[in-house]
């Protein structure tokens, strides 16, 4: 199976106005006079601080989203990038609350440089096996062609996010503009994400759409022989037993592993030595306890504590898709001013205080099989105007577990989820 990650982050910035103009078949592209900074000056400590904050936000959001029953999957990295671009235009209380909610621990200038550094690191091609591991990242801005944005805001996104500006007509041909953006999204993700912006998702008040797309294609270093896959029993969170295809290595592989109080953890590397999937498998009957106490710091500690062990892994083959409206969750985490028309301040975007976030939507898909992983995700933020070898370990993942996909060089968490019922 061709293994693919496709992730979209969509931010819609909306303001008022009206006026007739036909939309071009292809958006007119304008590049900032300030080129993308390809060698940002950032220290390892500052990059680590960015990753630490992003991980904390990832787990904070997970703790809110997990309150809904069932499986869970989303991309905290994408959400952070989209909101970081939006944050470039936030001011005063709006910016302060966004920084606190998103755990942006660096100054604004350092933050954007750090995101740029991380983006360039993620985009770097592996030294070996480039065909087995591909990670492509693209950012773009889609702006109302008759609306004026602050040059400093556009330069920041061009310099640190490589986001070129495409001019469209939201005023009188907003649905045509929507289809144009959706087509770009589909192209960037090899058709894994289609119709990202639904009908009615933009209107005559839309003034800007910021898009971040991540495409990931990778295979396991240690693939699961298909001949060993057979039906097995998985015990769900509710205690029911379901029959699902269980993949098995069959012989131990040397991989990072940890055994802690009430859990086991194992790291599955992808080819290219740049990314991995980490499985967090609580002991039987202790999933709720483990999940409730999981924090960003705990997650980083578990990963740091891993040592290479011989592990014979058995785990379910699974596929799952999910969608969320994130506005309530972000406000519950403390980002309230950005959603309030009376107090939101995105004057860094256009010089006025007429913009506010009216909705945040996220969709995600993942499929895990013997060869590797295929996933897609999309987020829309709508802003309206207003070690040493030890004894071999046998691990059978036949109960609910949490998993994440991370960049192994920076530690950045790209995707995060749980499986409580793989059937």
Protein backbone atom coordinates (compact mmCIF):
# COMPACT_ATOMS: atom_id res chain seq x y z
CA UNK A 1 0.00 0.00 0.00
CA UNK A 2 1.21 3.46 -0.80
CA UNK A 3 1.61 5.18 2.55
CA UNK A 4 0.69 8.82 2.73
CA UNK A 5 0.13 11.57 5.23
CA UNK A 6 -1.73 14.56 3.94
CA UNK A 7 -2.54 17.34 6.28
CA UNK A 8 -4.22 20.67 5.63
CA UNK A 9 -4.61 23.67 7.80
CA UNK A 10 -6.98 26.29 6.54
CA UNK A 11 -7.45 29.70 8.14
CA UNK A 12 -10.17 31.97 6.80
CA UNK A 13 -9.84 35.62 7.73
CA UNK A 14 -12.98 37.52 7.05
CA UNK A 15 -13.86 41.22 7.00
CA UNK A 16 -16.68 43.35 5.56
CA UNK A 17 -17.29 44.93 2.09
CA UNK A 18 -19.04 44.42 -1.22
CA UNK A 19 -18.40 45.17 -4.87
CA UNK A 20 -18.63 43.42 -8.27
CA UNK A 21 -15.60 41.80 -9.96
CA UNK A 22 -15.26 38.50 -11.86
CA UNK A 23 -12.91 35.91 -10.41
CA UNK A 24 -10.03 34.75 -12.60
CA UNK A 25 -9.82 31.09 -13.60
CA UNK A 26 -6.45 30.99 -11.87
CA UNK A 27 -5.57 33.22 -8.93
CA UNK A 28 -3.03 35.94 -9.61
CA UNK A 29 0.10 35.14 -7.58
CA UNK A 30 2.15 37.84 -5.87
CA UNK A 31 5.41 37.10 -4.08
CA UNK A 32 6.65 39.25 -1.19
CA UNK A 33 9.71 41.39 -1.87
CA UNK A 34 11.22 39.72 1.20
CA UNK A 35 12.27 36.17 0.26
CA UNK A 36 11.84 33.09 2.44
CA UNK A 37 14.57 32.99 5.07
CA UNK A 38 16.30 29.67 4.39
CA UNK A 39 18.88 29.81 7.19
CA UNK A 40 17.16 31.40 10.20
CA UNK A 41 19.37 32.09 13.19
CA UNK A 42 17.85 30.08 16.00
CA UNK A 43 19.55 28.23 18.84
CA UNK A 44 18.89 24.54 19.63
CA UNK A 45 17.44 25.70 22.95
CA UNK A 46 14.91 27.96 21.21
CA UNK A 47 13.86 25.17 18.84
CA UNK A 48 13.47 22.83 21.82
CA UNK A 49 11.33 25.47 23.55
CA UNK A 50 9.04 25.65 20.50
CA UNK A 51 8.66 21.87 20.41
CA UNK A 52 8.04 21.76 24.17
CA UNK A 53 5.25 24.33 23.85
CA UNK A 54 3.69 22.65 20.83
CA UNK A 55 3.71 19.31 22.63
CA UNK A 56 2.04 20.85 25.68
CA UNK A 57 -0.69 22.33 23.45
CA UNK A 58 -1.09 18.98 21.66
CA UNK A 59 -1.82 17.16 24.92
CA UNK A 60 -4.01 20.01 26.28
CA UNK A 61 -6.18 19.75 23.17
CA UNK A 62 -6.17 15.96 23.35
CA UNK A 63 -7.47 16.14 26.93
CA UNK A 64 -10.48 18.16 25.75
CA UNK A 65 -11.20 16.17 22.58
CA UNK A 66 -10.98 12.82 24.40
CA UNK A 67 -14.18 13.64 26.27
CA UNK A 68 -16.11 12.46 23.20
CA UNK A 69 -16.52 8.68 22.99
CA UNK A 70 -14.67 6.59 20.43
CA UNK A 71 -11.42 6.77 18.52
CA UNK A 72 -9.57 10.06 18.15
CA UNK A 73 -7.11 11.46 15.62
CA UNK A 74 -5.94 14.98 14.78
CA UNK A 75 -2.82 16.93 13.87
CA UNK A 76 -1.68 19.29 16.64
CA UNK A 77 1.31 20.38 14.55
CA UNK A 78 -0.90 21.65 11.75
CA UNK A 79 -3.22 23.45 14.11
CA UNK A 80 -0.23 25.13 15.77
CA UNK A 81 1.20 26.26 12.42
CA UNK A 82 -2.13 27.67 11.22
CA UNK A 83 -2.71 29.54 14.45
CA UNK A 84 0.91 30.75 14.50
CA UNK A 85 0.31 32.39 11.12
CA UNK A 86 -2.90 33.91 12.49
CA UNK A 87 -1.02 34.99 15.64
CA UNK A 88 1.27 37.11 13.44
CA UNK A 89 -1.65 39.51 13.05
CA UNK A 90 -2.92 39.40 16.65
CA UNK A 91 -2.34 42.21 19.10
CA UNK A 92 -2.84 43.04 22.81
CA UNK A 93 -5.10 40.68 24.81
CA UNK A 94 -5.91 38.60 21.73
CA UNK A 95 -2.21 37.87 21.19
CA UNK A 96 -1.58 37.26 24.89
CA UNK A 97 -4.38 34.70 25.15
CA UNK A 98 -3.32 32.96 21.95
CA UNK A 99 0.26 32.69 23.20
CA UNK A 100 -0.87 31.29 26.54
CA UNK A 101 -3.33 28.80 25.01
CA UNK A 102 -0.93 27.62 22.33
CA UNK A 103 2.06 27.57 24.73
CA UNK A 104 4.02 30.00 22.57
CA UNK A 105 6.91 30.48 25.00
CA UNK A 106 9.21 32.54 22.75
CA UNK A 107 9.00 36.20 21.79
CA UNK A 108 7.00 36.73 18.59
CA UNK A 109 10.10 37.28 16.47
CA UNK A 110 11.81 34.20 17.92
CA UNK A 111 8.61 32.18 17.54
CA UNK A 112 8.24 32.76 13.79
CA UNK A 113 11.96 32.10 13.24
CA UNK A 114 11.64 28.87 15.23
CA UNK A 115 8.59 27.74 13.22
CA UNK A 116 10.56 28.48 10.06
CA UNK A 117 13.51 26.44 11.34
CA UNK A 118 11.24 23.52 12.23
CA UNK A 119 9.49 23.71 8.86
CA UNK A 120 12.81 23.65 7.00
CA UNK A 121 14.00 20.74 9.15
CA UNK A 122 10.86 18.75 8.41
CA UNK A 123 11.17 19.48 4.69
CA UNK A 124 14.80 18.33 4.45
CA UNK A 125 15.19 15.21 2.34
CA UNK A 126 16.63 12.15 4.10
CA UNK A 127 20.20 11.13 3.32
CA UNK A 128 19.05 7.62 2.50
CA UNK A 129 15.97 5.97 1.01
CA UNK A 130 14.28 9.14 -0.36
CA UNK A 131 11.65 7.09 -2.17
CA UNK A 132 10.49 5.42 1.05
CA UNK A 133 10.12 8.67 2.97
CA UNK A 134 8.70 11.90 1.58
CA UNK A 135 7.55 14.91 3.60
CA UNK A 136 6.31 17.92 1.65
CA UNK A 137 5.14 21.16 3.27
CA UNK A 138 3.44 24.09 1.51
CA UNK A 139 1.88 27.34 2.75
CA UNK A 140 -0.18 29.86 0.82
CA UNK A 141 -2.31 32.98 1.34
CA UNK A 142 -5.52 33.63 -0.58
CA UNK A 143 -6.55 37.28 -0.31
CA UNK A 144 -9.44 39.44 -1.50
CA UNK A 145 -7.85 41.37 -4.33
CA UNK A 146 -9.51 44.68 -3.38
CA UNK A 147 -8.60 44.50 0.30
CA UNK A 148 -5.46 45.93 1.88
CA UNK A 149 -3.38 44.04 4.43
CA UNK A 150 -0.48 45.32 6.49
CA UNK A 151 2.78 44.78 4.59
CA UNK A 152 4.56 43.74 7.79
CA UNK A 153 2.03 40.93 8.32
CA UNK A 154 2.42 39.66 4.74
CA UNK A 155 6.23 39.93 4.95
CA UNK A 156 6.28 37.88 8.17
CA UNK A 157 4.32 35.07 6.56
CA UNK A 158 6.44 35.23 3.42
CA UNK A 159 9.75 35.33 5.28
CA UNK A 160 9.07 32.64 7.88
CA UNK A 161 6.32 30.49 6.35
CA UNK A 162 7.06 30.81 2.63
CA UNK A 163 3.45 31.74 2.02
CA UNK A 164 2.98 33.48 -1.31
CA UNK A 165 -0.08 35.66 -1.88
CA UNK A 166 -2.82 34.67 -4.36
CA UNK A 167 -5.46 37.27 -5.21
CA UNK A 168 -9.08 36.18 -5.65
CA UNK A 169 -12.52 37.80 -5.60
CA UNK A 170 -14.33 36.88 -2.41
CA UNK A 171 -16.74 39.81 -2.70
CA UNK A 172 -18.86 38.63 -5.62
CA UNK A 173 -17.45 35.22 -6.60
CA UNK A 174 -16.68 33.67 -3.24
CA UNK A 175 -17.84 30.17 -4.20
CA UNK A 176 -15.59 30.17 -7.25
CA UNK A 177 -12.74 31.22 -4.94
CA UNK A 178 -13.64 28.38 -2.59
CA UNK A 179 -13.40 25.86 -5.43
CA UNK A 180 -10.06 27.33 -6.48
CA UNK A 181 -8.63 26.92 -2.99
CA UNK A 182 -10.05 23.41 -2.68
CA UNK A 183 -8.40 22.48 -5.98
CA UNK A 184 -5.04 23.73 -4.68
CA UNK A 185 -5.53 21.73 -1.48
CA UNK A 186 -6.40 18.61 -3.45
CA UNK A 187 -3.31 19.01 -5.62
CA UNK A 188 -0.99 19.48 -2.64
CA UNK A 189 -2.32 16.31 -0.96
CA UNK A 190 -2.55 14.05 -4.02
CA UNK A 191 -6.36 14.13 -3.79
CA UNK A 192 -6.38 12.83 -0.20
CA UNK A 193 -8.27 15.92 0.99
CA UNK A 194 -11.13 17.02 -1.24
CA UNK A 195 -13.76 19.73 -0.76
CA UNK A 196 -12.03 21.00 2.37
CA UNK A 197 -13.99 24.25 2.48
CA UNK A 198 -17.67 23.24 2.37
CA UNK A 199 -20.32 25.14 0.48
CA UNK A 200 -21.09 28.23 2.56
CA UNK A 201 -17.69 28.06 4.25
CA UNK A 202 -16.71 31.38 2.67
CA UNK A 203 -18.91 34.28 1.68
CA UNK A 204 -18.79 37.86 0.48
CA UNK A 205 -17.18 38.94 3.76
CA UNK A 206 -14.17 36.64 3.40
CA UNK A 207 -10.93 38.54 3.03
CA UNK A 208 -8.09 36.06 3.52
CA UNK A 209 -7.48 32.31 3.59
CA UNK A 210 -4.20 30.95 4.96
CA UNK A 211 -3.44 27.36 3.97
CA UNK A 212 -0.77 25.00 5.30
CA UNK A 213 -0.46 21.57 3.69
CA UNK A 214 1.73 18.69 4.84
CA UNK A 215 2.18 15.56 2.71
CA UNK A 216 3.86 12.54 4.31
CA UNK A 217 4.69 9.25 2.59
CA UNK A 218 6.58 6.62 4.58
CA UNK A 219 7.01 2.91 5.10
CA UNK A 220 7.93 1.06 8.26
CA UNK A 221 11.56 0.10 8.84
CA UNK A 222 10.22 -3.17 10.26
CA UNK A 223 7.24 -4.13 8.12
CA UNK A 224 4.67 -6.67 9.23
CA UNK A 225 4.64 -9.80 7.04
CA UNK A 226 1.15 -10.04 5.56
CA UNK A 227 1.25 -13.82 5.93
CA UNK A 228 1.33 -13.39 9.71
CA UNK A 229 -1.73 -11.13 9.87
CA UNK A 230 -4.73 -12.97 11.22
CA UNK A 231 -7.97 -12.27 13.07
CA UNK A 232 -7.45 -11.56 16.74
CA UNK A 233 -9.37 -10.26 19.73
CA UNK A 234 -9.20 -6.61 20.82
CA UNK A 235 -10.88 -5.55 24.05
CA UNK A 236 -12.54 -2.13 23.66
CA UNK A 237 -12.72 0.61 26.26
CA UNK A 238 -16.21 -0.58 27.18
CA UNK A 239 -14.93 -4.12 27.75
CA UNK A 240 -16.43 -5.66 24.62
CA UNK A 241 -14.33 -8.08 22.58
CA UNK A 242 -14.13 -7.43 18.83
CA UNK A 243 -12.38 -9.43 16.13
CA UNK A 244 -9.91 -7.40 14.04
CA UNK A 245 -6.93 -8.15 11.76
CA UNK A 246 -3.86 -8.29 14.02
CA UNK A 247 -0.46 -7.67 12.41
CA UNK A 248 2.60 -9.39 13.89
CA UNK A 249 6.33 -9.05 13.38
CA UNK A 250 6.86 -12.69 14.28
CA UNK A 251 10.44 -12.16 15.48
CA UNK A 252 11.81 -9.51 17.87
CA UNK A 253 13.10 -6.25 16.38
CA UNK A 254 15.43 -3.90 18.25
CA UNK A 255 13.36 -0.73 18.82
CA UNK A 256 13.00 1.88 21.59
CA UNK A 257 10.81 0.53 24.39
CA UNK A 258 9.80 1.59 27.89
CA UNK A 259 7.92 -0.05 30.73
CA UNK A 260 6.50 2.29 33.35
CA UNK A 261 3.93 2.32 36.11
CA UNK A 262 0.80 1.06 34.40
CA UNK A 263 1.93 1.24 30.78
CA UNK A 264 4.25 0.08 28.03
CA UNK A 265 5.55 2.25 25.18
CA UNK A 266 7.20 1.29 21.92
CA UNK A 267 8.54 3.37 19.03
CA UNK A 268 8.11 2.17 15.42
CA UNK A 269 10.57 3.90 13.06
CA UNK A 270 9.73 4.83 9.49
CA UNK A 271 12.32 4.40 6.78
CA UNK A 272 14.50 7.46 6.30
CA UNK A 273 15.31 7.79 10.04
CA UNK A 274 13.30 11.02 10.29
CA UNK A 275 9.97 9.99 11.80
CA UNK A 276 8.40 7.33 13.95
CA UNK A 277 5.11 6.24 15.50
CA UNK A 278 5.04 5.90 19.27
CA UNK A 279 2.46 3.56 20.84
CA UNK A 280 1.47 4.20 24.46
CA UNK A 281 -0.26 1.04 25.73
CA UNK A 282 -1.72 1.27 29.25
CA UNK A 283 -2.10 -1.96 31.22
CA UNK A 284 -5.49 -3.67 31.06
CA UNK A 285 -8.06 -1.69 33.02
CA UNK A 286 -5.82 1.38 33.42
CA UNK A 287 -6.41 3.26 30.14
CA UNK A 288 -8.70 5.92 31.66
CA UNK A 289 -6.26 6.54 34.53
CA UNK A 290 -3.26 6.82 32.20
CA UNK A 291 -5.07 9.03 29.68
CA UNK A 292 -6.41 11.42 32.31
CA UNK A 293 -2.95 12.06 33.75
CA UNK A 294 -1.10 12.42 30.44
CA UNK A 295 0.64 15.78 30.03
CA UNK A 296 3.10 17.19 27.54
CA UNK A 297 5.91 16.82 30.10
CA UNK A 298 4.91 13.21 30.83
CA UNK A 299 4.87 12.42 27.12
CA UNK A 300 8.35 13.82 26.60
CA UNK A 301 9.61 11.95 29.68
CA UNK A 302 8.23 8.63 28.42
CA UNK A 303 9.95 9.10 25.06
CA UNK A 304 13.22 10.12 26.74
CA UNK A 305 13.10 7.01 28.97
CA UNK A 306 12.95 4.57 26.06
CA UNK A 307 15.77 2.10 25.57
CA UNK A 308 16.36 -0.29 22.69
CA UNK A 309 14.91 -3.71 23.36
CA UNK A 310 14.05 -6.70 21.30
CA UNK A 311 10.26 -6.42 20.85
CA UNK A 312 7.95 -8.87 19.09
CA UNK A 313 5.00 -6.60 18.38
CA UNK A 314 1.43 -7.54 17.58
CA UNK A 315 -0.97 -4.68 16.84
CA UNK A 316 -4.24 -4.11 14.98
CA UNK A 317 -4.53 -2.96 11.42
CA UNK A 318 -6.92 -0.01 11.61
CA UNK A 319 -8.50 2.83 9.70
CA UNK A 320 -10.35 5.81 11.12
CA UNK A 321 -11.55 9.29 10.25
CA UNK A 322 -12.77 12.12 12.46
CA UNK A 323 -13.90 15.73 12.37
CA UNK A 324 -14.10 18.42 15.02
CA UNK A 325 -15.33 21.95 15.57
CA UNK A 326 -12.49 23.35 17.69
CA UNK A 327 -13.79 26.82 18.58
CA UNK A 328 -15.26 25.72 21.91
CA UNK A 329 -12.15 23.73 22.84
CA UNK A 330 -9.80 26.62 22.08
CA UNK A 331 -11.95 29.00 24.11
CA UNK A 332 -12.06 26.52 26.99
CA UNK A 333 -8.26 26.45 26.88
CA UNK A 334 -8.23 30.22 27.29
CA UNK A 335 -8.30 31.70 23.80
CA UNK A 336 -11.52 33.71 24.27
CA UNK A 337 -10.81 37.21 22.97
CA UNK A 338 -10.03 35.97 19.45
CA UNK A 339 -13.61 34.66 19.13
CA UNK A 340 -15.31 37.78 20.53
CA UNK A 341 -16.24 40.41 17.92
CA UNK A 342 -16.21 43.08 20.62
CA UNK A 343 -12.69 42.39 21.89
CA UNK A 344 -10.74 40.53 19.18
CA UNK A 345 -7.71 42.47 17.96
CA UNK A 346 -6.17 41.29 14.70
CA UNK A 347 -5.10 44.80 13.75
CA UNK A 348 -1.71 43.45 12.75
CA UNK A 349 -3.43 42.01 9.68
CA UNK A 350 -5.22 45.03 8.31
CA UNK A 351 -4.71 47.94 10.72
CA UNK A 352 -8.31 47.76 11.99
CA UNK A 353 -10.00 45.87 14.81
CA UNK A 354 -12.82 44.41 12.72
CA UNK A 355 -11.60 40.80 12.45
CA UNK A 356 -12.41 37.91 14.79
CA UNK A 357 -12.32 34.11 14.58
CA UNK A 358 -15.83 32.76 14.01
CA UNK A 359 -15.03 29.05 13.70
CA UNK A 360 -12.28 26.44 13.68
CA UNK A 361 -12.87 23.11 11.95
CA UNK A 362 -10.62 20.05 11.68
CA UNK A 363 -10.86 16.77 9.75
CA UNK A 364 -8.44 13.85 9.88
CA UNK A 365 -8.00 10.36 8.43
CA UNK A 366 -5.52 7.57 9.21
CA UNK A 367 -4.96 4.05 7.91
CA UNK A 368 -2.28 1.77 9.37
CA UNK A 369 -1.34 -1.51 7.69
CA UNK A 370 1.55 -3.92 7.19
CA UNK A 371 3.59 -1.57 4.96
CA UNK A 372 3.16 1.72 6.76
CA UNK A 373 0.76 4.57 7.39
CA UNK A 374 -1.62 6.66 5.29
CA UNK A 375 -3.21 9.74 6.79
CA UNK A 376 -4.84 13.03 5.91
CA UNK A 377 -6.02 15.95 7.99
CA UNK A 378 -7.46 19.41 7.44
CA UNK A 379 -8.18 22.40 9.66
CA UNK A 380 -10.20 25.50 8.86
CA UNK A 381 -10.01 28.59 11.05
CA UNK A 382 -12.67 31.07 9.93
CA UNK A 383 -12.16 34.68 10.89
CA UNK A 384 -15.07 36.99 10.22
CA UNK A 385 -15.28 40.69 10.25
CA UNK A 386 -15.64 41.49 12.31
CA UNK A 387 21.39 1.98 25.57
CA UNK A 388 22.20 -1.65 26.16
CA UNK A 389 20.17 -4.63 24.76
CA UNK A 390 18.05 -6.32 27.39
CA UNK A 391 15.71 -9.31 27.47
CA UNK A 392 13.33 -9.50 24.51
CA UNK A 393 9.81 -8.19 25.09
CA UNK A 394 6.55 -9.49 23.64
CA UNK A 395 3.89 -6.79 23.32
CA UNK A 396 0.38 -7.53 22.07
CA UNK A 397 -1.68 -4.39 21.59
CA UNK A 398 -5.08 -5.97 22.20
CA UNK A 399 -6.56 -3.13 24.23
CA UNK A 400 -7.03 0.64 23.88
CA UNK A 401 -3.87 2.63 23.21
CA UNK A 402 -2.68 6.15 22.43
CA UNK A 403 -0.36 6.81 19.51
CA UNK A 404 1.54 9.68 17.99
CA UNK A 405 3.73 10.31 14.96
CA UNK A 406 6.76 12.45 15.66
CA UNK A 407 9.74 13.96 13.92
CA UNK A 408 12.62 12.09 15.53
CA UNK A 409 15.14 14.90 15.04
CA UNK A 410 13.24 17.78 16.68
CA UNK A 411 10.74 15.76 18.72
CA UNK A 412 7.82 17.65 17.12
CA UNK A 413 4.51 15.82 17.46
CA UNK A 414 2.92 15.79 14.00
CA UNK A 415 -0.15 13.66 14.74
CA UNK A 416 -1.81 12.41 17.93
CA UNK A 417 -4.66 10.00 18.53
CA UNK A 418 -6.05 6.95 20.31
CA UNK A 419 -7.63 3.65 19.30
CA UNK A 420 -10.31 2.30 21.61
CA UNK A 421 -12.04 0.15 19.00
CA UNK A 422 -10.12 -0.68 15.78
CA UNK A 423 -13.16 -2.45 14.30
